C-alpha atoms as a PDB file:
ATOM      1  CA  MET A   1      53.126 -61.699  18.544  1.00  0.00           C
ATOM      2  CA  ASN A   2      55.447 -62.507  21.528  1.00  0.00           C
ATOM      3  CA  ALA A   3      57.368 -65.776  21.122  1.00  0.00           C
ATOM      4  CA  LEU A   4      57.591 -68.141  23.992  1.00  0.00           C
ATOM      5  CA  PRO A   5      61.236 -68.133  25.526  1.00  0.00           C
ATOM      6  CA  SER A   6      63.387 -71.046  24.568  1.00  0.00           C
ATOM      7  CA  PRO A   7      63.943 -73.640  27.133  1.00  0.00           C
ATOM      8  CA  SER A   8      67.652 -72.633  27.415  1.00  0.00           C
ATOM      9  CA  GLU A   9      66.508 -69.348  28.978  1.00  0.00           C
ATOM     10  CA  PHE A  10      65.003 -71.191  31.943  1.00  0.00           C
ATOM     11  CA  GLN A  11      68.096 -73.239  32.920  1.00  0.00           C
ATOM     12  CA  SER A  12      69.794 -72.168  35.946  1.00  0.00           C
ATOM     13  CA  SER A  13      73.552 -72.216  36.178  1.00  0.00           C
ATOM     14  CA  GLY A  14      73.210 -73.708  39.963  1.00  0.00           C
ATOM     15  CA  LEU A  15      75.027 -70.789  41.564  1.00  0.00           C
ATOM     16  CA  SER A  16      72.030 -68.959  42.935  1.00  0.00           C
ATOM     17  CA  SER A  17      71.490 -68.901  46.666  1.00  0.00           C
ATOM     18  CA  SER A  18      67.873 -69.410  46.049  1.00  0.00           C
ATOM     19  CA  PRO A  19      66.608 -72.671  47.119  1.00  0.00           C
ATOM     20  CA  VAL A  20      64.310 -73.048  44.145  1.00  0.00           C
ATOM     21  CA  ARG A  21      67.058 -72.124  41.652  1.00  0.00           C
ATOM     22  CA  ALA A  22      69.925 -73.745  43.350  1.00  0.00           C
ATOM     23  CA  HIS A  23      68.663 -77.362  42.037  1.00  0.00           C
ATOM     24  CA  SER A  24      71.322 -78.443  39.847  1.00  0.00           C
ATOM     25  CA  GLY A  25      69.271 -81.448  38.451  1.00  0.00           C
ATOM     26  CA  ALA A  26      70.485 -84.220  40.664  1.00  0.00           C
ATOM     27  CA  LEU A  27      68.254 -86.032  42.952  1.00  0.00           C
ATOM     28  CA  ALA A  28      67.813 -84.898  46.579  1.00  0.00           C
ATOM     29  CA  PRO A  29      69.236 -87.457  49.038  1.00  0.00           C
ATOM     30  CA  ASP A  30      66.684 -89.400  51.268  1.00  0.00           C
ATOM     31  CA  PRO A  31      65.512 -87.547  54.343  1.00  0.00           C
ATOM     32  CA  VAL A  32      67.614 -88.207  57.473  1.00  0.00           C
ATOM     33  CA  GLU A  33      65.792 -89.171  60.612  1.00  0.00           C
ATOM     34  CA  PRO A  34      66.375 -86.547  63.366  1.00  0.00           C
ATOM     35  CA  PRO A  35      68.675 -87.642  66.361  1.00  0.00           C
ATOM     36  CA  ALA A  36      67.037 -88.874  69.280  1.00  0.00           C
ATOM     37  CA  PRO A  37      66.361 -86.212  71.990  1.00  0.00           C
ATOM     38  CA  ARG A  38      69.079 -86.014  74.870  1.00  0.00           C
ATOM     39  CA  PHE A  39      66.354 -86.445  77.414  1.00  0.00           C
ATOM     40  CA  THR A  40      63.258 -88.468  76.656  1.00  0.00           C
ATOM     41  CA  GLY A  41      59.935 -88.196  78.572  1.00  0.00           C
ATOM     42  CA  THR A  42      57.417 -90.751  79.422  1.00  0.00           C
ATOM     43  CA  ALA A  43      54.455 -89.215  77.737  1.00  0.00           C
ATOM     44  CA  GLY A  44      52.637 -92.060  75.748  1.00  0.00           C
ATOM     45  CA  ALA A  45      54.899 -94.684  76.986  1.00  0.00           C
ATOM     46  CA  ALA A  46      53.912 -97.880  78.566  1.00  0.00           C
ATOM     47  CA  PRO A  47      53.178 -97.795  82.364  1.00  0.00           C
ATOM     48  CA  PRO A  48      56.072 -98.767  84.727  1.00  0.00           C
ATOM     49  CA  PRO A  49      56.065-102.568  85.242  1.00  0.00           C
ATOM     50  CA  ALA A  50      55.632-102.093  89.122  1.00  0.00           C
ATOM     51  CA  PRO A  51      52.977-100.106  90.889  1.00  0.00           C
ATOM     52  CA  ALA A  52      54.130 -96.642  91.798  1.00  0.00           C
ATOM     53  CA  PRO A  53      55.167 -96.276  95.539  1.00  0.00           C
ATOM     54  CA  ASN A  54      52.530 -93.542  96.269  1.00  0.00           C
ATOM     55  CA  PRO A  55      49.697 -93.722  93.693  1.00  0.00           C
ATOM     56  CA  GLY A  56      48.471 -90.277  94.626  1.00  0.00           C
ATOM     57  CA  ILE A  57      51.774 -88.499  93.342  1.00  0.00           C
ATOM     58  CA  SER A  58      52.419 -87.941  89.695  1.00  0.00           C
ATOM     59  CA  CYS A  59      56.142 -87.609  88.720  1.00  0.00           C
ATOM     60  CA  ILE A  60      57.246 -85.724  85.668  1.00  0.00           C
ATOM     61  CA  ARG A  61      60.878 -85.346  84.421  1.00  0.00           C
ATOM     62  CA  THR A  62      61.328 -82.194  81.956  1.00  0.00           C
ATOM     63  CA  GLU A  63      63.701 -81.969  79.257  1.00  0.00           C
ATOM     64  CA  ASP A  64      66.231 -80.066  81.206  1.00  0.00           C
ATOM     65  CA  GLY A  65      66.184 -83.055  83.826  1.00  0.00           C
ATOM     66  CA  THR A  66      64.092 -81.193  86.577  1.00  0.00           C
ATOM     67  CA  VAL A  67      61.636 -83.602  88.344  1.00  0.00           C
ATOM     68  CA  ILE A  68      58.153 -82.335  89.110  1.00  0.00           C
ATOM     69  CA  LEU A  69      55.994 -84.103  91.755  1.00  0.00           C
ATOM     70  CA  PHE A  70      52.209 -83.521  91.947  1.00  0.00           C
ATOM     71  CA  ASP A  71      50.294 -84.594  94.887  1.00  0.00           C
ATOM     72  CA  ARG A  72      46.511 -85.085  93.652  1.00  0.00           C
ATOM     73  CA  ALA A  73      45.143 -85.205  96.993  1.00  0.00           C
ATOM     74  CA  SER A  74      46.390 -81.835  98.208  1.00  0.00           C
ATOM     75  CA  GLY A  75      47.023 -80.191  94.982  1.00  0.00           C
ATOM     76  CA  ARG A  76      50.666 -79.187  95.766  1.00  0.00           C
ATOM     77  CA  ALA A  77      53.325 -79.401  93.233  1.00  0.00           C
ATOM     78  CA  VAL A  78      56.995 -79.280  93.891  1.00  0.00           C
ATOM     79  CA  SER A  79      60.274 -79.501  91.780  1.00  0.00           C
ATOM     80  CA  GLY A  80      63.780 -80.615  92.276  1.00  0.00           C
ATOM     81  CA  LEU A  81      66.763 -81.696  90.631  1.00  0.00           C
ATOM     82  CA  THR A  82      66.116 -85.246  91.610  1.00  0.00           C
ATOM     83  CA  ARG A  83      63.042 -87.315  92.585  1.00  0.00           C
ATOM     84  CA  ALA A  84      64.455 -87.823  96.096  1.00  0.00           C
ATOM     85  CA  ALA A  85      64.863 -83.851  96.470  1.00  0.00           C
ATOM     86  CA  ALA A  86      61.444 -83.400  95.215  1.00  0.00           C
ATOM     87  CA  GLU A  87      59.898 -85.815  97.447  1.00  0.00           C
ATOM     88  CA  ALA A  88      61.798 -84.452 100.525  1.00  0.00           C
ATOM     89  CA  ARG A  89      60.360 -80.955  99.652  1.00  0.00           C
ATOM     90  CA  LEU A  90      56.751 -82.322  99.479  1.00  0.00           C
ATOM     91  CA  ARG A  91      57.235 -83.945 102.709  1.00  0.00           C
ATOM     92  CA  GLU A  92      58.594 -80.507 104.183  1.00  0.00           C
ATOM     93  CA  LEU A  93      55.210 -78.846 102.866  1.00  0.00           C
ATOM     94  CA  GLU A  94      53.045 -81.613 104.212  1.00  0.00           C
ATOM     95  CA  GLY A  95      54.652 -81.311 107.739  1.00  0.00           C
ATOM     96  CA  ALA A  96      54.202 -77.294 107.373  1.00  0.00           C
ATOM     97  CA  ALA A  97      50.675 -77.730 106.602  1.00  0.00           C
ATOM     98  CA  ARG A  98      49.636 -79.780 109.507  1.00  0.00           C
ATOM     99  CA  PRO A  99      48.317 -77.923 112.516  1.00  0.00           C
ATOM    100  CA  ALA A 100      50.630 -78.262 115.642  1.00  0.00           C
END
């Protein structure tokens, strides 16, 4: 009959690179909360305290800081480095779309 291995045969020296075998018997530290993102979006946040200057335009700021404006009435979207730049670009497009 095969004898069961003794418990000492299963103990690890703790020198293995395997994450399973590297456990030396000490308790793992408590999980650390991840750092806050550098840029935070507004998805799911409370609405702004004041009404938007133009309720027909949505404004999104991406993680890299780019501002995207979407005009729901015309279906146009523009982007810019700042909100002012994106608004100026949207006005240019609206002016170009009007018949002369």
